[in-house]
Amino acid sequence: MKNQTSVSIIIPAYNAEKWIERCIKSCINQTYKNIEIIIINDGSQDNTDELCQYYVSMDNRIIYKNIDNVGVSNARKLGLDISNSSYILFLDSDDYINNDCIEILISYKDYDLIIGQANYVNNHNEILSNTKYEIKKNIISSYLRGKLPTSLWPILFKKKILDEEYLVSNLKVSEDFIILSRIITKTKKIKVINDKVYNQVRHNLSTTANLTNEKFRDHYNAHKFVEEIFTSKLNERYKKDIDIFQLNHLYNLIVIFSPYIKLHEKTINTRNFFLKNISIKKKLLLTLYFLGIFNKKNYFLIMKLLKKLKYKNSHE
């Protein structure tokens, strides 16, 4: 263990009493033992503090800070400042990792970022779907085409690159997207593996149930910031990648019924949504949108139809 590379798992927690125990246990039970588990309780008003205190008494690898509410971005930054390790894994308090997560990821420690795969699970730990991250052509192209994550999971980071590029923001959503975009443009030492190491919990909430006007605005502004990062640095060879990037974002705005749809549409250089690497589902919804017949009723009806067609094809 003395010769093992140390890894910090940073967990920002806010009102996480329903799931924080599962999250912590998944860290304690790692097959790779040279870890420190840094929990930042970001001003929780429930029993998160009591639960965390219990596990602190059970495992001396846990470093725990109970602070006033400063937001997830600042909470992660505090964890980063506390860390004594060479590598960092960010873990949301309602998610959990597989027991061999760190052991698998750290085996590729020559890279700056090691990206694993994640399962999307429901509240009963049943797998709904999983990610299919991959690098095709090159890193920048893959990122713009949506082939790489836009969140800080399921990724093991070399701490040095986070120290240089981590950006604290006041955004309510999408700050991960900005941080990753900054890093993607700075390093080519990125490895994508096929191992599923992370479990992201999908709670029984509507996609738009917790979206406020402020979050809609932050989501849009984060994308504009990222767009400027890439368009200011990339040459003509990435034009098609940027077109796909823009159309994917328009699709995302449509499915959450963002008030910024029309504003983003004006910035799109092409309506060629029959480009490769755009899924049939996205082509269909974008077509309906540009024809002016898209609405919430159409969306849910089409999703049901596509689900039935997918099921039928898989059983023929």
C-alpha atoms as a PDB file:
ATOM      1  CA  MET A   1       0.000   0.000   0.000  1.00  0.00           C
ATOM      2  CA  LYS A   2       2.889   2.390   0.724  1.00  0.00           C
ATOM      3  CA  ASN A   3       3.972   2.205  -2.914  1.00  0.00           C
ATOM      4  CA  GLN A   4       0.469   2.741  -4.265  1.00  0.00           C
ATOM      5  CA  THR A   5      -0.566   6.038  -5.815  1.00  0.00           C
ATOM      6  CA  SER A   6      -3.001   7.872  -3.559  1.00  0.00           C
ATOM      7  CA  VAL A   7      -6.464   8.802  -4.841  1.00  0.00           C
ATOM      8  CA  SER A   8      -8.905  11.288  -3.296  1.00  0.00           C
ATOM      9  CA  ILE A   9     -12.644  10.765  -3.726  1.00  0.00           C
ATOM     10  CA  ILE A  10     -14.363  14.136  -3.282  1.00  0.00           C
ATOM     11  CA  ILE A  11     -18.061  14.075  -2.319  1.00  0.00           C
ATOM     12  CA  PRO A  12     -19.993  17.361  -2.026  1.00  0.00           C
ATOM     13  CA  ALA A  13     -23.206  16.683  -0.098  1.00  0.00           C
ATOM     14  CA  TYR A  14     -26.327  18.765   0.375  1.00  0.00           C
ATOM     15  CA  ASN A  15     -29.435  17.339   2.100  1.00  0.00           C
ATOM     16  CA  ALA A  16     -28.270  13.858   1.151  1.00  0.00           C
ATOM     17  CA  GLU A  17     -29.592  11.818   4.097  1.00  0.00           C
ATOM     18  CA  LYS A  18     -31.516   9.450   1.781  1.00  0.00           C
ATOM     19  CA  TRP A  19     -28.470   8.251  -0.140  1.00  0.00           C
ATOM     20  CA  ILE A  20     -25.214   9.399   1.474  1.00  0.00           C
ATOM     21  CA  GLU A  21     -24.690   6.071   3.287  1.00  0.00           C
ATOM     22  CA  ARG A  22     -24.767   4.068   0.067  1.00  0.00           C
ATOM     23  CA  CYS A  23     -22.361   6.565  -1.480  1.00  0.00           C
ATOM     24  CA  ILE A  24     -19.875   6.401   1.416  1.00  0.00           C
ATOM     25  CA  LYS A  25     -20.040   2.607   1.670  1.00  0.00           C
ATOM     26  CA  SER A  26     -19.180   2.294  -2.018  1.00  0.00           C
ATOM     27  CA  CYS A  27     -15.990   4.239  -1.275  1.00  0.00           C
ATOM     28  CA  ILE A  28     -15.078   2.384   1.905  1.00  0.00           C
ATOM     29  CA  ASN A  29     -15.452  -0.942   0.085  1.00  0.00           C
ATOM     30  CA  GLN A  30     -13.018  -0.120  -2.713  1.00  0.00           C
ATOM     31  CA  THR A  31     -10.604  -2.942  -3.550  1.00  0.00           C
ATOM     32  CA  TYR A  32      -7.942  -0.251  -4.009  1.00  0.00           C
ATOM     33  CA  LYS A  33      -7.145   0.811  -0.447  1.00  0.00           C
ATOM     34  CA  ASN A  34      -4.864   3.859  -0.733  1.00  0.00           C
ATOM     35  CA  ILE A  35      -7.645   6.403  -0.888  1.00  0.00           C
ATOM     36  CA  GLU A  36      -8.862   9.360   1.101  1.00  0.00           C
ATOM     37  CA  ILE A  37     -12.606  10.052   1.136  1.00  0.00           C
ATOM     38  CA  ILE A  38     -13.242  13.781   1.380  1.00  0.00           C
ATOM     39  CA  ILE A  39     -16.837  14.690   2.245  1.00  0.00           C
ATOM     40  CA  ILE A  40     -17.884  18.347   2.149  1.00  0.00           C
ATOM     41  CA  ASN A  41     -21.273  18.795   3.815  1.00  0.00           C
ATOM     42  CA  ASP A  42     -22.473  21.943   2.067  1.00  0.00           C
ATOM     43  CA  GLY A  43     -24.843  23.348   4.681  1.00  0.00           C
ATOM     44  CA  SER A  44     -27.301  20.443   4.779  1.00  0.00           C
ATOM     45  CA  GLN A  45     -30.503  20.968   6.787  1.00  0.00           C
ATOM     46  CA  ASP A  46     -31.293  17.276   7.268  1.00  0.00           C
ATOM     47  CA  ASN A  47     -29.432  14.399   8.981  1.00  0.00           C
ATOM     48  CA  THR A  48     -26.508  14.340   6.548  1.00  0.00           C
ATOM     49  CA  ASP A  49     -24.105  15.589   9.224  1.00  0.00           C
ATOM     50  CA  GLU A  50     -25.011  12.872  11.747  1.00  0.00           C
ATOM     51  CA  LEU A  51     -24.656  10.124   9.147  1.00  0.00           C
ATOM     52  CA  CYS A  52     -21.275  11.430   7.966  1.00  0.00           C
ATOM     53  CA  GLN A  53     -19.998  11.743  11.544  1.00  0.00           C
ATOM     54  CA  TYR A  54     -20.830   8.074  12.107  1.00  0.00           C
ATOM     55  CA  TYR A  55     -18.721   6.946   9.150  1.00  0.00           C
ATOM     56  CA  VAL A  56     -15.859   9.246  10.137  1.00  0.00           C
ATOM     57  CA  SER A  57     -15.658   7.287  13.392  1.00  0.00           C
ATOM     58  CA  MET A  58     -15.621   4.023  11.415  1.00  0.00           C
ATOM     59  CA  ASP A  59     -12.883   4.744   8.850  1.00  0.00           C
ATOM     60  CA  ASN A  60      -9.820   6.949   9.347  1.00  0.00           C
ATOM     61  CA  ARG A  61      -9.513   7.527   5.593  1.00  0.00           C
ATOM     62  CA  ILE A  62     -12.503   9.853   5.724  1.00  0.00           C
ATOM     63  CA  ILE A  63     -11.866  13.601   5.902  1.00  0.00           C
ATOM     64  CA  TYR A  64     -15.045  15.479   6.762  1.00  0.00           C
ATOM     65  CA  LYS A  65     -15.888  19.196   6.643  1.00  0.00           C
ATOM     66  CA  ASN A  66     -19.247  20.651   7.658  1.00  0.00           C
ATOM     67  CA  ILE A  67     -19.552  24.134   6.141  1.00  0.00           C
ATOM     68  CA  ASP A  68     -22.133  26.824   5.422  1.00  0.00           C
ATOM     69  CA  ASN A  69     -23.813  26.460   2.043  1.00  0.00           C
ATOM     70  CA  VAL A  70     -21.489  27.703  -0.718  1.00  0.00           C
ATOM     71  CA  GLY A  71     -22.675  25.636  -3.680  1.00  0.00           C
ATOM     72  CA  VAL A  72     -21.316  22.480  -5.292  1.00  0.00           C
ATOM     73  CA  SER A  73     -18.583  24.255  -7.269  1.00  0.00           C
ATOM     74  CA  ASN A  74     -17.030  25.819  -4.177  1.00  0.00           C
ATOM     75  CA  ALA A  75     -17.524  22.644  -2.134  1.00  0.00           C
ATOM     76  CA  ARG A  76     -15.572  20.628  -4.713  1.00  0.00           C
ATOM     77  CA  LYS A  77     -12.845  23.278  -4.768  1.00  0.00           C
ATOM     78  CA  LEU A  78     -12.493  22.998  -0.978  1.00  0.00           C
ATOM     79  CA  GLY A  79     -12.148  19.231  -1.339  1.00  0.00           C
ATOM     80  CA  LEU A  80      -9.519  19.761  -4.022  1.00  0.00           C
ATOM     81  CA  ASP A  81      -7.565  22.099  -1.725  1.00  0.00           C
ATOM     82  CA  ILE A  82      -7.732  19.574   1.127  1.00  0.00           C
ATOM     83  CA  SER A  83      -6.637  16.622  -0.997  1.00  0.00           C
ATOM     84  CA  ASN A  84      -3.201  15.106  -0.387  1.00  0.00           C
ATOM     85  CA  SER A  85      -3.431  12.784  -3.387  1.00  0.00           C
ATOM     86  CA  SER A  86      -2.079  12.727  -6.934  1.00  0.00           C
ATOM     87  CA  TYR A  87      -5.419  11.745  -8.484  1.00  0.00           C
ATOM     88  CA  ILE A  88      -8.998  12.911  -7.964  1.00  0.00           C
ATOM     89  CA  LEU A  89     -12.397  11.304  -8.475  1.00  0.00           C
ATOM     90  CA  PHE A  90     -15.526  13.433  -8.011  1.00  0.00           C
ATOM     91  CA  LEU A  91     -18.582  11.570  -6.746  1.00  0.00           C
ATOM     92  CA  ASP A  92     -22.073  13.021  -6.334  1.00  0.00           C
ATOM     93  CA  SER A  93     -23.626  12.175  -2.977  1.00  0.00           C
ATOM     94  CA  ASP A  94     -26.664  10.431  -4.495  1.00  0.00           C
ATOM     95  CA  ASP A  95     -24.505   8.274  -6.792  1.00  0.00           C
ATOM     96  CA  TYR A  96     -22.162   5.380  -6.005  1.00  0.00           C
ATOM     97  CA  ILE A  97     -19.183   3.595  -7.520  1.00  0.00           C
ATOM     98  CA  ASN A  98     -18.449  -0.072  -8.140  1.00  0.00           C
ATOM     99  CA  ASN A  99     -16.066  -1.734  -5.680  1.00  0.00           C
ATOM    100  CA  ASP A 100     -13.267  -1.984  -8.263  1.00  0.00           C
ATOM    101  CA  CYS A 101     -13.741   1.539  -9.656  1.00  0.00           C
ATOM    102  CA  ILE A 102     -10.495   3.071  -8.376  1.00  0.00           C
ATOM    103  CA  GLU A 103      -8.445  -0.068  -8.978  1.00  0.00           C
ATOM    104  CA  ILE A 104      -9.490  -0.108 -12.635  1.00  0.00           C
ATOM    105  CA  LEU A 105      -9.080   3.617 -13.300  1.00  0.00           C
ATOM    106  CA  ILE A 106      -5.720   4.045 -11.542  1.00  0.00           C
ATOM    107  CA  SER A 107      -4.205   1.252 -13.634  1.00  0.00           C
ATOM    108  CA  TYR A 108      -4.088   3.863 -16.456  1.00  0.00           C
ATOM    109  CA  LYS A 109      -2.375   6.512 -14.334  1.00  0.00           C
ATOM    110  CA  ASP A 110      -0.003   7.617 -17.094  1.00  0.00           C
ATOM    111  CA  TYR A 111      -2.914   9.630 -18.500  1.00  0.00           C
ATOM    112  CA  ASP A 112      -4.207  13.008 -17.298  1.00  0.00           C
ATOM    113  CA  LEU A 113      -7.841  11.867 -17.552  1.00  0.00           C
ATOM    114  CA  ILE A 114      -9.133   8.314 -17.427  1.00  0.00           C
ATOM    115  CA  ILE A 115     -12.784   8.108 -18.466  1.00  0.00           C
ATOM    116  CA  GLY A 116     -14.790   5.037 -17.481  1.00  0.00           C
ATOM    117  CA  GLN A 117     -18.356   4.109 -18.344  1.00  0.00           C
ATOM    118  CA  ALA A 118     -21.402   4.664 -16.123  1.00  0.00           C
ATOM    119  CA  ASN A 119     -24.685   2.922 -15.516  1.00  0.00           C
ATOM    120  CA  TYR A 120     -27.853   4.978 -15.230  1.00  0.00           C
ATOM    121  CA  VAL A 121     -29.861   3.349 -12.434  1.00  0.00           C
ATOM    122  CA  ASN A 122     -33.189   3.987 -10.741  1.00  0.00           C
ATOM    123  CA  ASN A 123     -33.860   4.308  -7.022  1.00  0.00           C
ATOM    124  CA  HIS A 124     -34.018   0.519  -6.754  1.00  0.00           C
ATOM    125  CA  ASN A 125     -30.500   0.118  -8.225  1.00  0.00           C
ATOM    126  CA  GLU A 126     -31.919  -1.343 -11.444  1.00  0.00           C
ATOM    127  CA  ILE A 127     -29.883  -0.494 -14.536  1.00  0.00           C
ATOM    128  CA  LEU A 128     -31.851   1.630 -17.017  1.00  0.00           C
ATOM    129  CA  SER A 129     -29.097   2.225 -19.583  1.00  0.00           C
ATOM    130  CA  ASN A 130     -25.397   3.010 -19.743  1.00  0.00           C
ATOM    131  CA  THR A 131     -22.935   5.386 -21.337  1.00  0.00           C
ATOM    132  CA  LYS A 132     -20.998   4.628 -24.506  1.00  0.00           C
ATOM    133  CA  TYR A 133     -18.135   7.083 -24.337  1.00  0.00           C
ATOM    134  CA  GLU A 134     -15.442   6.714 -26.969  1.00  0.00           C
ATOM    135  CA  ILE A 135     -12.741   8.594 -28.838  1.00  0.00           C
ATOM    136  CA  LYS A 136     -13.236   8.573 -32.596  1.00  0.00           C
ATOM    137  CA  LYS A 137     -11.037  10.551 -34.983  1.00  0.00           C
ATOM    138  CA  ASN A 138      -9.541  12.681 -32.173  1.00  0.00           C
ATOM    139  CA  ILE A 139     -10.340  14.022 -28.717  1.00  0.00           C
ATOM    140  CA  ILE A 140     -11.711  17.437 -29.749  1.00  0.00           C
ATOM    141  CA  SER A 141     -13.908  15.984 -32.486  1.00  0.00           C
ATOM    142  CA  SER A 142     -15.246  13.297 -30.137  1.00  0.00           C
ATOM    143  CA  TYR A 143     -16.071  15.873 -27.467  1.00  0.00           C
ATOM    144  CA  LEU A 144     -17.878  18.177 -29.888  1.00  0.00           C
ATOM    145  CA  ARG A 145     -19.873  15.238 -31.263  1.00  0.00           C
ATOM    146  CA  GLY A 146     -21.076  14.234 -27.786  1.00  0.00           C
ATOM    147  CA  LYS A 147     -18.946  11.089 -27.533  1.00  0.00           C
ATOM    148  CA  LEU A 148     -17.320  12.151 -24.233  1.00  0.00           C
ATOM    149  CA  PRO A 149     -18.832  13.191 -20.890  1.00  0.00           C
ATOM    150  CA  THR A 150     -19.765  16.779 -20.079  1.00  0.00           C
ATOM    151  CA  SER A 151     -19.919  16.086 -16.331  1.00  0.00           C
ATOM    152  CA  LEU A 152     -16.990  15.463 -13.973  1.00  0.00           C
ATOM    153  CA  TRP A 153     -17.940  11.785 -13.654  1.00  0.00           C
ATOM    154  CA  PRO A 154     -17.006   9.014 -14.361  1.00  0.00           C
ATOM    155  CA  ILE A 155     -13.482  10.397 -14.633  1.00  0.00           C
ATOM    156  CA  LEU A 156     -10.240   9.996 -12.710  1.00  0.00           C
ATOM    157  CA  PHE A 157      -8.266  13.249 -12.981  1.00  0.00           C
ATOM    158  CA  LYS A 158      -4.600  13.880 -12.463  1.00  0.00           C
ATOM    159  CA  LYS A 159      -4.753  16.483  -9.674  1.00  0.00           C
ATOM    160  CA  LYS A 160      -2.185  18.721 -11.342  1.00  0.00           C
ATOM    161  CA  ILE A 161      -4.443  19.470 -14.302  1.00  0.00           C
ATOM    162  CA  LEU A 162      -7.406  20.190 -12.023  1.00  0.00           C
ATOM    163  CA  ASP A 163      -5.295  22.584  -9.960  1.00  0.00           C
ATOM    164  CA  GLU A 164      -4.558  24.477 -13.183  1.00  0.00           C
ATOM    165  CA  GLU A 165      -7.988  24.413 -14.833  1.00  0.00           C
ATOM    166  CA  TYR A 166     -10.654  24.064 -12.120  1.00  0.00           C
ATOM    167  CA  LEU A 167     -12.970  27.035 -12.346  1.00  0.00           C
ATOM    168  CA  VAL A 168     -15.221  28.098  -9.484  1.00  0.00           C
ATOM    169  CA  SER A 169     -18.461  29.561 -10.819  1.00  0.00           C
ATOM    170  CA  ASN A 170     -21.793  30.777  -9.504  1.00  0.00           C
ATOM    171  CA  LEU A 171     -23.706  28.737 -12.073  1.00  0.00           C
ATOM    172  CA  LYS A 172     -26.504  26.549 -10.713  1.00  0.00           C
ATOM    173  CA  VAL A 173     -26.003  24.041 -13.548  1.00  0.00           C
ATOM    174  CA  SER A 174     -23.453  23.137 -16.246  1.00  0.00           C
ATOM    175  CA  GLU A 175     -20.272  24.280 -14.472  1.00  0.00           C
ATOM    176  CA  ASP A 176     -18.840  20.786 -15.131  1.00  0.00           C
ATOM    177  CA  PHE A 177     -19.279  21.396 -18.859  1.00  0.00           C
ATOM    178  CA  ILE A 178     -17.080  24.505 -18.718  1.00  0.00           C
ATOM    179  CA  ILE A 179     -14.352  22.861 -16.629  1.00  0.00           C
ATOM    180  CA  LEU A 180     -14.118  19.820 -18.893  1.00  0.00           C
ATOM    181  CA  SER A 181     -14.068  21.967 -22.021  1.00  0.00           C
ATOM    182  CA  ARG A 182     -11.105  23.923 -20.661  1.00  0.00           C
ATOM    183  CA  ILE A 183      -9.250  20.695 -19.868  1.00  0.00           C
ATOM    184  CA  ILE A 184     -10.068  19.037 -23.207  1.00  0.00           C
ATOM    185  CA  THR A 185      -8.320  21.862 -25.052  1.00  0.00           C
ATOM    186  CA  LYS A 186      -5.197  21.585 -22.864  1.00  0.00           C
ATOM    187  CA  THR A 187      -4.279  17.884 -22.905  1.00  0.00           C
ATOM    188  CA  LYS A 188      -4.214  14.984 -25.336  1.00  0.00           C
ATOM    189  CA  LYS A 189      -3.429  12.459 -22.592  1.00  0.00           C
ATOM    190  CA  ILE A 190      -6.979  11.150 -22.247  1.00  0.00           C
ATOM    191  CA  LYS A 191      -7.912   7.478 -22.056  1.00  0.00           C
ATOM    192  CA  VAL A 192     -11.431   6.061 -22.478  1.00  0.00           C
ATOM    193  CA  ILE A 193     -12.025   2.543 -21.177  1.00  0.00           C
ATOM    194  CA  ASN A 194     -15.020   0.233 -21.544  1.00  0.00           C
ATOM    195  CA  ASP A 195     -15.305  -0.753 -17.869  1.00  0.00           C
ATOM    196  CA  LYS A 196     -18.443   0.403 -16.064  1.00  0.00           C
ATOM    197  CA  VAL A 197     -17.253   1.958 -12.822  1.00  0.00           C
ATOM    198  CA  TYR A 198     -19.865   4.557 -11.815  1.00  0.00           C
ATOM    199  CA  ASN A 199     -23.610   4.468 -11.096  1.00  0.00           C
ATOM    200  CA  GLN A 200     -25.597   7.641 -11.714  1.00  0.00           C
ATOM    201  CA  VAL A 201     -28.972   7.550 -10.020  1.00  0.00           C
ATOM    202  CA  ARG A 202     -31.985   8.806 -11.968  1.00  0.00           C
ATOM    203  CA  HIS A 203     -34.581   9.888  -9.442  1.00  0.00           C
ATOM    204  CA  ASN A 204     -38.310   9.739 -10.141  1.00  0.00           C
ATOM    205  CA  LEU A 205     -38.534  13.325 -11.268  1.00  0.00           C
ATOM    206  CA  SER A 206     -39.593  14.867 -14.550  1.00  0.00           C
ATOM    207  CA  THR A 207     -36.730  16.136 -16.704  1.00  0.00           C
ATOM    208  CA  THR A 208     -37.918  19.726 -16.305  1.00  0.00           C
ATOM    209  CA  ALA A 209     -39.372  19.476 -12.798  1.00  0.00           C
ATOM    210  CA  ASN A 210     -36.498  21.257 -11.031  1.00  0.00           C
ATOM    211  CA  LEU A 211     -35.490  23.645 -13.818  1.00  0.00           C
ATOM    212  CA  THR A 212     -35.927  27.312 -12.913  1.00  0.00           C
ATOM    213  CA  ASN A 213     -35.473  30.390 -15.110  1.00  0.00           C
ATOM    214  CA  GLU A 214     -32.074  30.861 -13.467  1.00  0.00           C
ATOM    215  CA  LYS A 215     -31.015  27.317 -14.373  1.00  0.00           C
ATOM    216  CA  PHE A 216     -32.276  27.707 -17.933  1.00  0.00           C
ATOM    217  CA  ARG A 217     -30.162  30.861 -18.225  1.00  0.00           C
ATOM    218  CA  ASP A 218     -27.064  29.252 -16.710  1.00  0.00           C
ATOM    219  CA  HIS A 219     -27.408  26.214 -18.982  1.00  0.00           C
ATOM    220  CA  TYR A 220     -27.541  28.483 -22.035  1.00  0.00           C
ATOM    221  CA  ASN A 221     -24.696  30.769 -20.899  1.00  0.00           C
ATOM    222  CA  ALA A 222     -22.434  27.809 -20.104  1.00  0.00           C
ATOM    223  CA  HIS A 223     -22.910  26.531 -23.643  1.00  0.00           C
ATOM    224  CA  LYS A 224     -22.086  29.972 -25.087  1.00  0.00           C
ATOM    225  CA  PHE A 225     -18.935  30.096 -22.985  1.00  0.00           C
ATOM    226  CA  VAL A 226     -17.870  26.646 -24.200  1.00  0.00           C
ATOM    227  CA  GLU A 227     -18.726  27.558 -27.787  1.00  0.00           C
ATOM    228  CA  GLU A 228     -16.348  30.507 -27.556  1.00  0.00           C
ATOM    229  CA  ILE A 229     -13.593  28.301 -26.121  1.00  0.00           C
ATOM    230  CA  PHE A 230     -13.723  26.026 -29.151  1.00  0.00           C
ATOM    231  CA  THR A 231     -14.617  28.376 -31.994  1.00  0.00           C
ATOM    232  CA  SER A 232     -11.803  30.761 -31.035  1.00  0.00           C
ATOM    233  CA  LYS A 233      -9.211  27.966 -31.089  1.00  0.00           C
ATOM    234  CA  LEU A 234     -10.317  25.581 -33.844  1.00  0.00           C
ATOM    235  CA  ASN A 235      -9.715  25.807 -37.567  1.00  0.00           C
ATOM    236  CA  GLU A 236     -11.917  24.940 -40.560  1.00  0.00           C
ATOM    237  CA  ARG A 237     -11.310  21.189 -40.245  1.00  0.00           C
ATOM    238  CA  TYR A 238     -13.619  21.156 -37.210  1.00  0.00           C
ATOM    239  CA  LYS A 239     -16.507  22.957 -38.926  1.00  0.00           C
ATOM    240  CA  LYS A 240     -18.693  19.846 -39.214  1.00  0.00           C
ATOM    241  CA  ASP A 241     -17.912  18.913 -35.589  1.00  0.00           C
ATOM    242  CA  ILE A 242     -19.039  22.366 -34.444  1.00  0.00           C
ATOM    243  CA  ASP A 243     -22.226  22.054 -36.532  1.00  0.00           C
ATOM    244  CA  ILE A 244     -23.013  18.777 -34.764  1.00  0.00           C
ATOM    245  CA  PHE A 245     -22.170  20.381 -31.405  1.00  0.00           C
ATOM    246  CA  GLN A 246     -24.648  23.197 -32.113  1.00  0.00           C
ATOM    247  CA  LEU A 247     -27.419  20.865 -33.292  1.00  0.00           C
ATOM    248  CA  ASN A 248     -26.969  18.593 -30.270  1.00  0.00           C
ATOM    249  CA  HIS A 249     -27.348  21.623 -28.023  1.00  0.00           C
ATOM    250  CA  LEU A 250     -30.465  22.752 -29.875  1.00  0.00           C
ATOM    251  CA  TYR A 251     -31.911  19.269 -29.343  1.00  0.00           C
ATOM    252  CA  ASN A 252     -31.095  19.492 -25.615  1.00  0.00           C
ATOM    253  CA  LEU A 253     -32.828  22.874 -25.373  1.00  0.00           C
ATOM    254  CA  ILE A 254     -35.887  21.494 -27.151  1.00  0.00           C
ATOM    255  CA  VAL A 255     -36.338  18.451 -24.907  1.00  0.00           C
ATOM    256  CA  ILE A 256     -36.166  20.548 -21.723  1.00  0.00           C
ATOM    257  CA  PHE A 257     -38.438  23.183 -23.325  1.00  0.00           C
ATOM    258  CA  SER A 258     -35.939  25.942 -22.643  1.00  0.00           C
ATOM    259  CA  PRO A 259     -36.997  29.549 -23.282  1.00  0.00           C
ATOM    260  CA  TYR A 260     -33.620  29.996 -25.036  1.00  0.00           C
ATOM    261  CA  ILE A 261     -34.448  27.730 -28.010  1.00  0.00           C
ATOM    262  CA  LYS A 262     -35.107  30.564 -30.461  1.00  0.00           C
ATOM    263  CA  LEU A 263     -32.049  32.482 -29.333  1.00  0.00           C
ATOM    264  CA  HIS A 264     -29.771  29.502 -29.964  1.00  0.00           C
ATOM    265  CA  GLU A 265     -31.431  28.677 -33.272  1.00  0.00           C
ATOM    266  CA  LYS A 266     -30.267  32.040 -34.657  1.00  0.00           C
ATOM    267  CA  THR A 267     -26.615  31.111 -34.032  1.00  0.00           C
ATOM    268  CA  ILE A 268     -26.747  27.829 -35.971  1.00  0.00           C
ATOM    269  CA  ASN A 269     -24.827  27.952 -39.238  1.00  0.00           C
ATOM    270  CA  THR A 270     -26.550  24.929 -40.767  1.00  0.00           C
ATOM    271  CA  ARG A 271     -29.877  23.161 -40.627  1.00  0.00           C
ATOM    272  CA  ASN A 272     -28.305  20.058 -42.082  1.00  0.00           C
ATOM    273  CA  PHE A 273     -29.478  17.842 -39.256  1.00  0.00           C
ATOM    274  CA  PHE A 274     -29.067  14.797 -41.455  1.00  0.00           C
ATOM    275  CA  LEU A 275     -25.364  14.943 -40.723  1.00  0.00           C
ATOM    276  CA  LYS A 276     -23.737  11.715 -39.631  1.00  0.00           C
ATOM    277  CA  ASN A 277     -23.449  11.149 -35.895  1.00  0.00           C
ATOM    278  CA  ILE A 278     -26.884  12.648 -35.240  1.00  0.00           C
ATOM    279  CA  SER A 279     -29.218   9.914 -34.013  1.00  0.00           C
ATOM    280  CA  ILE A 280     -32.531   9.120 -35.687  1.00  0.00           C
ATOM    281  CA  LYS A 281     -34.342  10.340 -32.573  1.00  0.00           C
ATOM    282  CA  LYS A 282     -32.595  13.705 -32.747  1.00  0.00           C
ATOM    283  CA  LYS A 283     -33.164  14.030 -36.498  1.00  0.00           C
ATOM    284  CA  LEU A 284     -36.856  13.372 -36.026  1.00  0.00           C
ATOM    285  CA  LEU A 285     -37.327  15.901 -33.243  1.00  0.00           C
ATOM    286  CA  LEU A 286     -35.248  18.543 -35.011  1.00  0.00           C
ATOM    287  CA  THR A 287     -37.281  17.992 -38.183  1.00  0.00           C
ATOM    288  CA  LEU A 288     -40.524  18.459 -36.271  1.00  0.00           C
ATOM    289  CA  TYR A 289     -39.121  21.578 -34.632  1.00  0.00           C
ATOM    290  CA  PHE A 290     -38.039  23.194 -37.904  1.00  0.00           C
ATOM    291  CA  LEU A 291     -41.415  22.328 -39.437  1.00  0.00           C
ATOM    292  CA  GLY A 292     -43.050  24.211 -36.589  1.00  0.00           C
ATOM    293  CA  ILE A 293     -45.129  21.283 -35.326  1.00  0.00           C
ATOM    294  CA  PHE A 294     -43.144  20.269 -32.242  1.00  0.00           C
ATOM    295  CA  ASN A 295     -44.797  20.444 -28.833  1.00  0.00           C
ATOM    296  CA  LYS A 296     -44.768  18.526 -25.566  1.00  0.00           C
ATOM    297  CA  LYS A 297     -47.537  16.207 -26.680  1.00  0.00           C
ATOM    298  CA  ASN A 298     -45.638  15.284 -29.864  1.00  0.00           C
ATOM    299  CA  TYR A 299     -42.448  14.705 -27.892  1.00  0.00           C
ATOM    300  CA  PHE A 300     -43.874  12.146 -25.478  1.00  0.00           C
ATOM    301  CA  LEU A 301     -45.835  10.425 -28.240  1.00  0.00           C
ATOM    302  CA  ILE A 302     -42.723  10.097 -30.407  1.00  0.00           C
ATOM    303  CA  MET A 303     -40.620   8.826 -27.512  1.00  0.00           C
ATOM    304  CA  LYS A 304     -43.157   6.069 -26.870  1.00  0.00           C
ATOM    305  CA  LEU A 305     -43.175   5.153 -30.570  1.00  0.00           C
ATOM    306  CA  LEU A 306     -39.376   5.022 -30.790  1.00  0.00           C
ATOM    307  CA  LYS A 307     -39.215   2.903 -27.655  1.00  0.00           C
ATOM    308  CA  LYS A 308     -41.677   0.417 -29.154  1.00  0.00           C
ATOM    309  CA  LEU A 309     -39.769   0.284 -32.441  1.00  0.00           C
ATOM    310  CA  LYS A 310     -36.484  -0.268 -30.616  1.00  0.00           C
ATOM    311  CA  TYR A 311     -38.035  -3.077 -28.561  1.00  0.00           C
ATOM    312  CA  LYS A 312     -39.560  -4.680 -31.668  1.00  0.00           C
ATOM    313  CA  ASN A 313     -36.283  -4.568 -33.606  1.00  0.00           C
ATOM    314  CA  SER A 314     -34.339  -6.084 -30.727  1.00  0.00           C
ATOM    315  CA  HIS A 315     -36.721  -9.064 -30.579  1.00  0.00           C
ATOM    316  CA  GLU A 316     -36.917  -9.870 -34.293  1.00  0.00           C
END
